[in-house]
N, C-alpha and C. Protein backbone atom coordinates (compact mmCIF):
# COMPACT_ATOMS: atom_id res chain seq x y z
N UNK A 1 0.73 -1.28 0.05
CA UNK A 1 0.02 0.02 0.23
C UNK A 1 0.86 1.17 -0.06
N UNK A 2 0.48 2.21 -0.89
CA UNK A 2 1.28 3.39 -0.81
C UNK A 2 1.27 4.40 0.23
N UNK A 3 2.34 5.20 0.68
CA UNK A 3 2.39 5.98 1.72
C UNK A 3 1.45 7.25 1.44
N UNK A 4 1.71 7.66 0.39
CA UNK A 4 1.30 8.82 -0.27
C UNK A 4 -0.08 8.69 -0.91
N UNK A 5 -1.16 9.42 -0.72
CA UNK A 5 -2.09 9.59 -2.14
C UNK A 5 -1.37 10.38 -2.82
N UNK A 6 -2.08 10.57 -4.08
CA UNK A 6 -1.46 11.46 -5.11
C UNK A 6 -1.39 13.07 -4.88
N UNK A 7 -2.33 13.34 -3.64
CA UNK A 7 -2.58 14.60 -3.24
C UNK A 7 -1.04 14.89 -2.41
N UNK A 8 -0.97 13.96 -1.56
CA UNK A 8 -0.02 13.89 -0.71
C UNK A 8 1.40 14.10 -1.19
N UNK A 9 1.40 13.16 -2.15
CA UNK A 9 2.93 12.90 -3.04
C UNK A 9 2.91 14.63 -3.92
N UNK A 10 1.86 15.30 -4.28
CA UNK A 10 2.14 16.59 -4.94
C UNK A 10 2.56 17.35 -3.54
N UNK A 11 1.92 17.44 -2.43
CA UNK A 11 2.71 18.30 -1.27
C UNK A 11 3.92 18.14 -1.16
N UNK A 12 4.25 16.62 -0.85
CA UNK A 12 5.77 16.29 -0.46
C UNK A 12 6.81 16.67 -1.35
N UNK A 13 6.20 16.56 -2.82
CA UNK A 13 7.07 17.39 -3.79
C UNK A 13 7.47 18.47 -3.71
N UNK A 14 6.31 19.39 -3.39
CA UNK A 14 6.55 20.80 -3.43
C UNK A 14 7.06 21.38 -1.85
N UNK A 15 7.01 20.33 -1.22
CA UNK A 15 7.55 20.97 0.49
C UNK A 15 8.85 21.39 0.33
N UNK A 16 9.34 22.44 0.69
CA UNK A 16 10.79 23.00 1.37
C UNK A 16 11.33 22.01 2.22
N UNK A 17 10.48 21.28 2.90
CA UNK A 17 10.89 20.57 4.13
C UNK A 17 11.56 19.24 3.33
N UNK A 18 10.86 18.79 2.34
CA UNK A 18 11.48 17.54 1.81
C UNK A 18 13.19 17.85 1.32
N UNK A 19 13.15 18.84 0.78
CA UNK A 19 14.50 19.51 0.34
C UNK A 19 15.52 19.42 1.71
N UNK A 20 14.94 20.14 2.76
CA UNK A 20 15.81 20.33 3.87
C UNK A 20 16.10 18.89 4.37
N UNK A 21 15.12 18.24 4.64
CA UNK A 21 15.64 16.65 4.71
C UNK A 21 16.54 16.03 4.04
N UNK A 22 16.29 16.34 2.58
CA UNK A 22 17.26 15.51 1.97
C UNK A 22 18.66 16.17 2.09
N UNK A 23 19.20 17.28 2.70
CA UNK A 23 20.14 17.84 3.12
C UNK A 23 20.89 17.65 4.13
N UNK A 24 19.93 17.45 5.13
CA UNK A 24 20.30 17.13 6.58
C UNK A 24 20.43 15.81 6.70
N UNK A 25 19.68 14.54 6.11
CA UNK A 25 20.05 13.19 6.35
C UNK A 25 21.55 12.96 6.28
N UNK A 26 22.15 13.21 5.01
CA UNK A 26 23.37 13.07 4.89
C UNK A 26 24.15 13.64 5.73
N UNK A 27 24.07 14.89 5.89
CA UNK A 27 24.83 15.16 6.97
C UNK A 27 24.88 14.59 8.43
N UNK A 28 23.58 14.44 8.72
CA UNK A 28 23.84 13.53 10.06
C UNK A 28 24.78 11.98 9.63
N UNK A 29 24.16 11.78 8.76
CA UNK A 29 25.08 10.27 8.46
C UNK A 29 26.58 10.54 8.78
N UNK A 30 27.10 11.54 8.09
CA UNK A 30 28.46 11.69 8.12
C UNK A 30 28.79 12.11 9.78
N UNK A 31 28.15 12.95 10.31
CA UNK A 31 28.42 13.20 11.80
C UNK A 31 28.29 11.68 12.64
N UNK A 32 27.16 10.81 12.24
CA UNK A 32 27.29 9.52 12.64
C UNK A 32 28.64 8.59 12.61
N UNK A 33 29.21 8.98 11.36
CA UNK A 33 30.14 8.05 10.91
C UNK A 33 31.63 8.50 12.15
N UNK A 34 31.72 9.91 11.80
CA UNK A 34 32.77 10.49 12.26
C UNK A 34 32.78 10.17 14.04
N UNK A 35 31.53 10.50 14.59
CA UNK A 35 30.95 10.26 16.03
C UNK A 35 31.20 8.91 16.51
N UNK A 36 30.96 8.13 15.60
CA UNK A 36 31.21 6.52 16.00
C UNK A 36 32.72 6.05 15.87
N UNK A 37 33.42 6.74 14.90
CA UNK A 37 34.86 6.49 14.59
C UNK A 37 35.74 6.84 15.88
N UNK A 38 35.25 8.36 16.43
CA UNK A 38 35.96 8.75 17.38
C UNK A 38 35.91 8.21 18.86
N UNK A 39 34.66 7.60 18.96
CA UNK A 39 33.96 6.49 20.11
C UNK A 39 34.76 5.61 19.95
N UNK A 40 34.95 4.96 19.08
CA UNK A 40 35.61 3.71 19.08
C UNK A 40 36.98 3.78 19.13
N UNK A 41 37.64 4.67 18.44
CA UNK A 41 39.12 4.70 18.70
C UNK A 41 39.27 5.22 20.11
N UNK A 42 38.50 5.96 20.86
CA UNK A 42 38.83 6.47 22.20
C UNK A 42 38.81 5.24 22.94
N UNK A 43 37.63 4.10 22.77
CA UNK A 43 37.60 2.96 23.68
C UNK A 43 38.72 2.34 23.54
N UNK A 44 39.40 2.33 22.14
CA UNK A 44 40.51 1.45 22.00
C UNK A 44 41.80 1.94 22.16
N UNK A 45 41.66 3.34 22.45
CA UNK A 45 43.08 3.64 22.76
C UNK A 45 43.96 3.78 21.63
N UNK A 46 43.19 3.93 20.28
CA UNK A 46 43.78 4.14 18.98
C UNK A 46 43.82 5.56 18.51
N UNK A 47 44.59 6.42 19.28
CA UNK A 47 44.69 7.94 18.52
C UNK A 47 43.95 9.19 19.24
N UNK A 48 42.80 8.39 19.89
CA UNK A 48 42.08 9.53 20.46
C UNK A 48 42.17 9.36 21.94
N UNK A 49 42.83 10.58 22.56
CA UNK A 49 43.25 10.34 23.80
C UNK A 49 42.45 11.29 24.85
N UNK A 50 41.49 12.09 24.18
CA UNK A 50 40.75 12.96 25.03
C UNK A 50 39.16 12.76 24.72
N UNK A 51 38.77 12.49 25.97
CA UNK A 51 37.41 12.51 25.91
C UNK A 51 36.20 13.29 25.35
N UNK A 52 36.93 14.51 25.52
CA UNK A 52 36.19 15.55 25.34
C UNK A 52 35.68 15.40 23.62
N UNK A 53 36.41 14.71 22.70
CA UNK A 53 35.74 14.49 21.58
C UNK A 53 34.69 13.85 21.39
N UNK A 54 34.61 12.63 22.07
CA UNK A 54 33.38 11.61 22.17
C UNK A 54 32.13 12.78 22.70
N UNK A 55 32.46 13.49 23.65
CA UNK A 55 31.42 14.54 23.94
C UNK A 55 30.87 15.08 23.04
N UNK A 56 31.77 15.90 22.10
CA UNK A 56 31.79 17.03 21.19
C UNK A 56 30.92 16.17 20.08
N UNK A 57 31.18 15.16 19.45
CA UNK A 57 30.63 14.35 18.57
C UNK A 57 28.95 13.96 18.79
N UNK A 58 28.75 13.64 20.18
CA UNK A 58 27.40 13.21 20.53
C UNK A 58 26.97 14.72 20.71
N UNK A 59 27.20 15.65 21.19
CA UNK A 59 26.53 16.81 21.00
C UNK A 59 26.06 17.26 19.64
N UNK A 60 27.21 17.28 18.32
CA UNK A 60 26.80 17.39 17.03
C UNK A 60 25.79 16.69 16.56
N UNK A 61 25.76 15.16 17.21
CA UNK A 61 24.92 14.21 16.33
C UNK A 61 23.49 14.63 16.93
N UNK A 62 23.45 14.84 18.33
CA UNK A 62 22.06 14.91 18.99
C UNK A 62 21.42 16.43 18.07
N UNK A 63 22.39 17.43 18.31
CA UNK A 63 21.61 18.60 17.59
C UNK A 63 21.14 18.31 16.19
N UNK A 64 21.87 17.70 15.36
CA UNK A 64 21.47 17.61 13.93
C UNK A 64 20.41 16.46 14.16
N UNK A 65 20.20 15.54 14.99
CA UNK A 65 19.13 14.87 15.15
C UNK A 65 18.11 15.74 15.47
N UNK A 66 17.96 16.23 16.43
CA UNK A 66 16.88 17.17 16.96
C UNK A 66 16.61 18.22 15.78
N UNK A 67 17.08 18.68 15.02
CA UNK A 67 17.14 19.56 13.99
C UNK A 67 16.31 18.99 13.00
N UNK A 68 16.92 17.69 12.57
CA UNK A 68 15.77 16.67 11.47
C UNK A 68 14.65 16.20 12.23
N UNK A 69 14.24 15.96 13.19
CA UNK A 69 13.10 15.51 14.04
C UNK A 69 12.26 17.44 13.91
N UNK A 70 12.75 18.23 14.21
CA UNK A 70 11.95 19.21 14.07
C UNK A 70 11.10 19.80 12.54
N UNK A 71 12.18 19.65 11.78
CA UNK A 71 12.29 19.95 10.38
C UNK A 71 11.24 18.93 9.63
N UNK A 72 11.42 17.49 10.24
CA UNK A 72 10.63 16.35 9.90
C UNK A 72 8.83 16.54 10.23
N UNK A 73 9.15 17.58 11.54
CA UNK A 73 7.63 17.46 11.95
C UNK A 73 7.04 18.67 10.95
N UNK A 74 7.52 19.64 10.60
CA UNK A 74 6.99 20.80 9.60
C UNK A 74 6.71 19.57 8.23
N UNK A 75 7.47 18.75 7.80
CA UNK A 75 7.07 18.22 6.63
C UNK A 75 6.16 17.45 6.74
N UNK A 76 5.81 16.71 8.01
CA UNK A 76 4.67 15.96 8.28
C UNK A 76 3.29 16.78 7.96
N UNK A 77 3.63 17.91 8.68
CA UNK A 77 2.20 19.05 8.88
C UNK A 77 2.06 19.52 7.42
N UNK A 78 3.19 19.71 6.70
CA UNK A 78 2.60 19.99 5.34
C UNK A 78 1.86 19.15 4.38
N UNK A 79 2.34 17.67 4.61
CA UNK A 79 1.98 16.44 3.80
C UNK A 79 0.86 15.90 4.39
N UNK A 80 0.90 15.72 5.90
CA UNK A 80 -0.17 15.11 6.51
C UNK A 80 -1.17 15.75 6.91
N UNK A 81 -0.76 17.09 7.22
CA UNK A 81 -1.39 17.77 8.39
C UNK A 81 -1.57 17.35 9.82
N UNK A 82 -0.15 16.86 10.26
CA UNK A 82 -0.15 16.30 11.69
C UNK A 82 1.28 16.89 11.51
N UNK A 83 1.81 17.38 13.06
CA UNK A 83 3.15 17.54 13.10
C UNK A 83 4.07 16.31 13.30
N UNK A 84 3.64 15.31 13.92
CA UNK A 84 4.01 14.16 14.29
C UNK A 84 3.33 13.13 14.65
N UNK A 85 3.64 11.84 14.22
CA UNK A 85 2.80 10.46 14.54
C UNK A 85 1.63 10.60 13.42
N UNK A 86 1.86 11.29 12.36
CA UNK A 86 1.01 11.00 11.17
C UNK A 86 0.92 9.48 11.35
N UNK A 87 -0.13 8.80 10.77
CA UNK A 87 -0.09 7.39 10.65
C UNK A 87 0.88 6.84 9.79
N UNK A 88 0.92 7.62 8.50
CA UNK A 88 1.99 7.16 7.51
C UNK A 88 3.43 7.10 7.79
N UNK A 89 3.64 8.06 8.97
CA UNK A 89 5.19 8.20 9.50
C UNK A 89 4.92 7.67 11.14
N UNK A 90 4.06 6.89 11.50
CA UNK A 90 3.95 6.54 12.84
C UNK A 90 5.17 5.61 13.56
N UNK A 91 5.72 4.50 12.66
CA UNK A 91 6.68 3.69 13.47
C UNK A 91 8.20 4.76 13.29
N UNK A 92 8.14 5.61 12.17
CA UNK A 92 9.43 6.15 12.02
C UNK A 92 9.53 7.16 13.11
N UNK A 93 8.57 7.71 13.42
CA UNK A 93 8.45 8.83 14.70
C UNK A 93 8.65 8.10 16.02
N UNK A 94 8.13 6.82 15.96
CA UNK A 94 8.54 6.54 17.51
C UNK A 94 9.85 5.78 17.54
N UNK A 95 10.38 5.61 16.37
CA UNK A 95 11.73 5.04 16.15
C UNK A 95 12.76 6.16 16.59
N UNK A 96 12.34 7.64 15.99
CA UNK A 96 13.31 8.81 16.24
C UNK A 96 13.15 9.29 17.61
N UNK A 97 12.05 9.42 18.04
CA UNK A 97 11.48 9.52 19.64
C UNK A 97 12.38 8.80 20.24
N UNK A 98 12.63 7.27 20.61
CA UNK A 98 13.47 6.32 21.25
C UNK A 98 14.64 6.91 20.95
N UNK A 99 15.23 7.05 19.63
CA UNK A 99 16.72 7.28 19.28
C UNK A 99 16.98 8.95 20.08
N UNK A 100 16.43 9.86 19.96
CA UNK A 100 16.35 10.94 20.50
C UNK A 100 16.52 11.05 21.91
N UNK A 101 15.43 10.05 22.66
CA UNK A 101 15.61 9.74 24.30
C UNK A 101 17.01 9.37 24.48
N UNK A 102 17.53 8.36 23.79
CA UNK A 102 19.10 7.85 24.19
C UNK A 102 20.14 8.74 23.96
N UNK A 103 19.96 9.49 22.93
CA UNK A 103 20.94 10.44 22.70
C UNK A 103 21.22 11.56 23.85
N UNK A 104 19.74 12.06 24.26
CA UNK A 104 19.88 13.16 25.57
C UNK A 104 20.09 12.72 26.77
N UNK A 105 19.80 11.03 26.91
CA UNK A 105 20.30 10.22 28.23
C UNK A 105 21.95 10.41 28.32
N UNK A 106 22.77 10.60 27.30
CA UNK A 106 23.94 10.85 27.32
C UNK A 106 24.22 12.19 28.20
N UNK A 107 23.65 13.18 27.97
CA UNK A 107 23.81 14.39 28.58
C UNK A 107 23.25 14.51 29.95
N UNK A 108 22.11 13.72 30.21
CA UNK A 108 21.73 13.31 31.71
C UNK A 108 22.90 12.76 32.88
N UNK A 109 23.46 11.92 32.04
CA UNK A 109 24.31 10.57 32.58
C UNK A 109 25.68 11.49 32.83
N UNK A 110 26.15 12.29 31.90
CA UNK A 110 27.36 13.41 31.78
C UNK A 110 27.12 14.33 32.89
N UNK A 111 25.87 14.78 33.08
CA UNK A 111 25.82 15.91 34.09
C UNK A 111 25.45 15.24 35.52
N UNK A 112 25.25 13.90 35.64
CA UNK A 112 25.23 13.05 37.14
C UNK A 112 26.52 12.63 37.36
N UNK A 113 27.60 13.09 36.07
CA UNK A 113 28.86 12.67 36.58
C UNK A 113 29.61 11.16 36.76
N UNK A 114 28.60 10.27 35.71
CA UNK A 114 29.08 9.04 35.69
C UNK A 114 30.24 8.94 34.81
N UNK A 115 31.01 7.82 35.06
CA UNK A 115 31.91 7.73 34.44
C UNK A 115 32.22 7.57 32.93
N UNK A 116 33.53 7.54 32.48
CA UNK A 116 33.49 7.56 31.04
C UNK A 116 33.07 6.43 30.18
N UNK A 117 33.49 5.29 30.93
CA UNK A 117 33.10 3.82 30.51
C UNK A 117 31.36 3.80 30.06
N UNK A 118 30.57 4.33 31.47
CA UNK A 118 29.36 4.42 31.11
C UNK A 118 28.94 5.20 30.09
N UNK A 119 29.53 6.53 29.84
CA UNK A 119 29.09 7.50 28.50
C UNK A 119 29.51 7.05 27.63
N UNK A 120 30.57 6.18 27.23
CA UNK A 120 31.01 5.69 26.05
C UNK A 120 29.90 4.75 25.74
N UNK A 121 29.40 3.90 26.60
CA UNK A 121 28.54 2.83 25.95
C UNK A 121 26.87 3.53 25.90
N UNK A 122 26.76 4.69 26.55
CA UNK A 122 25.50 5.50 26.24
C UNK A 122 25.58 6.16 24.84
N UNK A 123 27.04 6.65 24.41
CA UNK A 123 26.97 7.12 23.11
C UNK A 123 26.93 5.95 22.10
N UNK A 124 27.37 4.88 22.49
CA UNK A 124 27.64 3.77 21.44
C UNK A 124 26.02 3.14 21.20
N UNK A 125 25.19 3.50 22.36
CA UNK A 125 23.86 2.80 22.12
C UNK A 125 23.20 3.97 21.47
N UNK A 126 23.41 5.23 21.66
CA UNK A 126 22.81 6.00 20.68
C UNK A 126 22.92 6.14 19.20
N UNK A 127 24.12 5.67 19.33
CA UNK A 127 24.46 5.43 17.52
C UNK A 127 23.63 4.37 16.95
N UNK A 128 23.72 3.51 18.12
CA UNK A 128 23.03 2.20 17.58
C UNK A 128 21.50 2.35 17.05
N UNK A 129 20.98 3.25 18.01
CA UNK A 129 19.57 3.37 17.75
C UNK A 129 19.42 4.39 16.69
N UNK A 130 20.33 5.22 16.61
CA UNK A 130 19.99 6.25 15.30
C UNK A 130 20.06 5.18 13.87
N UNK A 131 21.21 3.99 14.04
CA UNK A 131 21.45 3.45 12.79
C UNK A 131 20.33 2.59 12.57
N UNK A 132 19.79 2.07 13.59
CA UNK A 132 18.19 0.87 13.61
C UNK A 132 17.04 2.09 12.89
N UNK A 133 17.00 3.10 12.98
CA UNK A 133 16.00 4.26 13.18
C UNK A 133 16.41 4.48 11.42
N UNK A 134 17.45 4.48 11.15
CA UNK A 134 17.70 5.17 9.65
C UNK A 134 17.62 4.11 8.83
N UNK A 135 17.81 2.93 9.35
CA UNK A 135 17.64 1.42 8.62
C UNK A 135 16.22 1.19 8.46
N UNK A 136 15.16 1.65 9.20
CA UNK A 136 13.95 1.62 9.04
C UNK A 136 13.31 2.55 7.94
N UNK A 137 14.04 3.98 7.90
CA UNK A 137 13.63 4.96 6.90
C UNK A 137 13.78 4.28 5.51
N UNK A 138 15.14 4.02 5.30
CA UNK A 138 15.73 3.40 4.32
C UNK A 138 14.95 2.27 3.83
N UNK A 139 14.71 1.30 4.68
CA UNK A 139 13.84 0.13 4.12
C UNK A 139 12.33 0.55 3.55
N UNK A 140 11.93 1.45 4.39
CA UNK A 140 10.60 1.88 3.62
C UNK A 140 10.63 2.50 2.33
N UNK A 141 11.58 3.31 2.19
CA UNK A 141 12.19 4.34 1.17
C UNK A 141 12.27 3.16 -0.26
N UNK A 142 12.75 2.15 -0.11
CA UNK A 142 13.07 0.86 -0.82
C UNK A 142 11.80 0.65 -1.30
N UNK A 143 10.80 0.12 -0.22
CA UNK A 143 9.70 -0.64 -0.39
C UNK A 143 8.75 0.35 -1.27
N UNK A 144 8.62 1.83 -0.82
CA UNK A 144 8.11 2.83 -1.72
C UNK A 144 8.61 2.83 -3.04
N UNK A 145 9.86 2.91 -3.39
CA UNK A 145 10.27 2.76 -4.75
C UNK A 145 10.16 1.65 -5.62
N UNK A 146 10.16 0.53 -5.11
CA UNK A 146 9.54 -0.68 -5.60
C UNK A 146 8.18 -0.86 -5.95
N UNK A 147 7.32 -0.24 -5.08
CA UNK A 147 5.99 -0.07 -5.09
C UNK A 147 5.49 0.85 -6.49
N UNK A 148 6.69 1.81 -6.50
CA UNK A 148 6.39 2.97 -7.29
C UNK A 148 6.82 2.33 -8.72
N UNK A 149 7.50 1.64 -8.92
CA UNK A 149 8.16 1.04 -10.50
C UNK A 149 6.92 0.10 -10.79
N UNK A 150 6.68 -0.95 -9.77
CA UNK A 150 5.61 -1.60 -10.22
C UNK A 150 4.14 -0.84 -10.55
N UNK A 151 3.74 -0.07 -10.11
CA UNK A 151 2.85 0.66 -10.37
C UNK A 151 2.89 1.38 -11.77
N UNK A 152 4.22 1.96 -11.83
CA UNK A 152 4.32 2.74 -13.49
C UNK A 152 4.33 1.55 -14.26
N UNK A 153 4.86 0.27 -14.05
CA UNK A 153 4.92 -0.67 -15.29
C UNK A 153 3.90 -1.25 -15.62
N UNK A 154 2.83 -1.41 -14.61
CA UNK A 154 1.52 -1.97 -14.72
C UNK A 154 0.51 -0.82 -15.54
N UNK A 155 1.07 0.13 -15.53
CA UNK A 155 0.07 1.21 -16.47
C UNK A 155 0.46 1.71 -17.93
């Protein structure tokens, strides 16, 4: 079943937020890769010896994730007339919410003064939650593209 009605597809293609999401998503992925690499290198003692870099990348990743979530809400409002948890994006929004909570938990634990090992595992969990959420989005996009090709070839 297609996610978009023809009217919603037209709104999606005309929305500025579609373009914004198309720019922010790859930026977020690059920050994810860099943050994951820095975190793993620090954990392994391989060239990154200042824990501050782990936190810097978690901050960057969390900020871009929040920006994508907010602009995604504007996208959903444009296309589905709901800011968040529109039925067509419900599970993606649930995944994003869980991932954001995990990202933000890093800062709660940091300010609680927990040790670096706990923070590193929290950062890795945040990155994993992002990866699962991104995979969910990509899988849905692939399914949509396959459906669109089948629909076009049938006409």
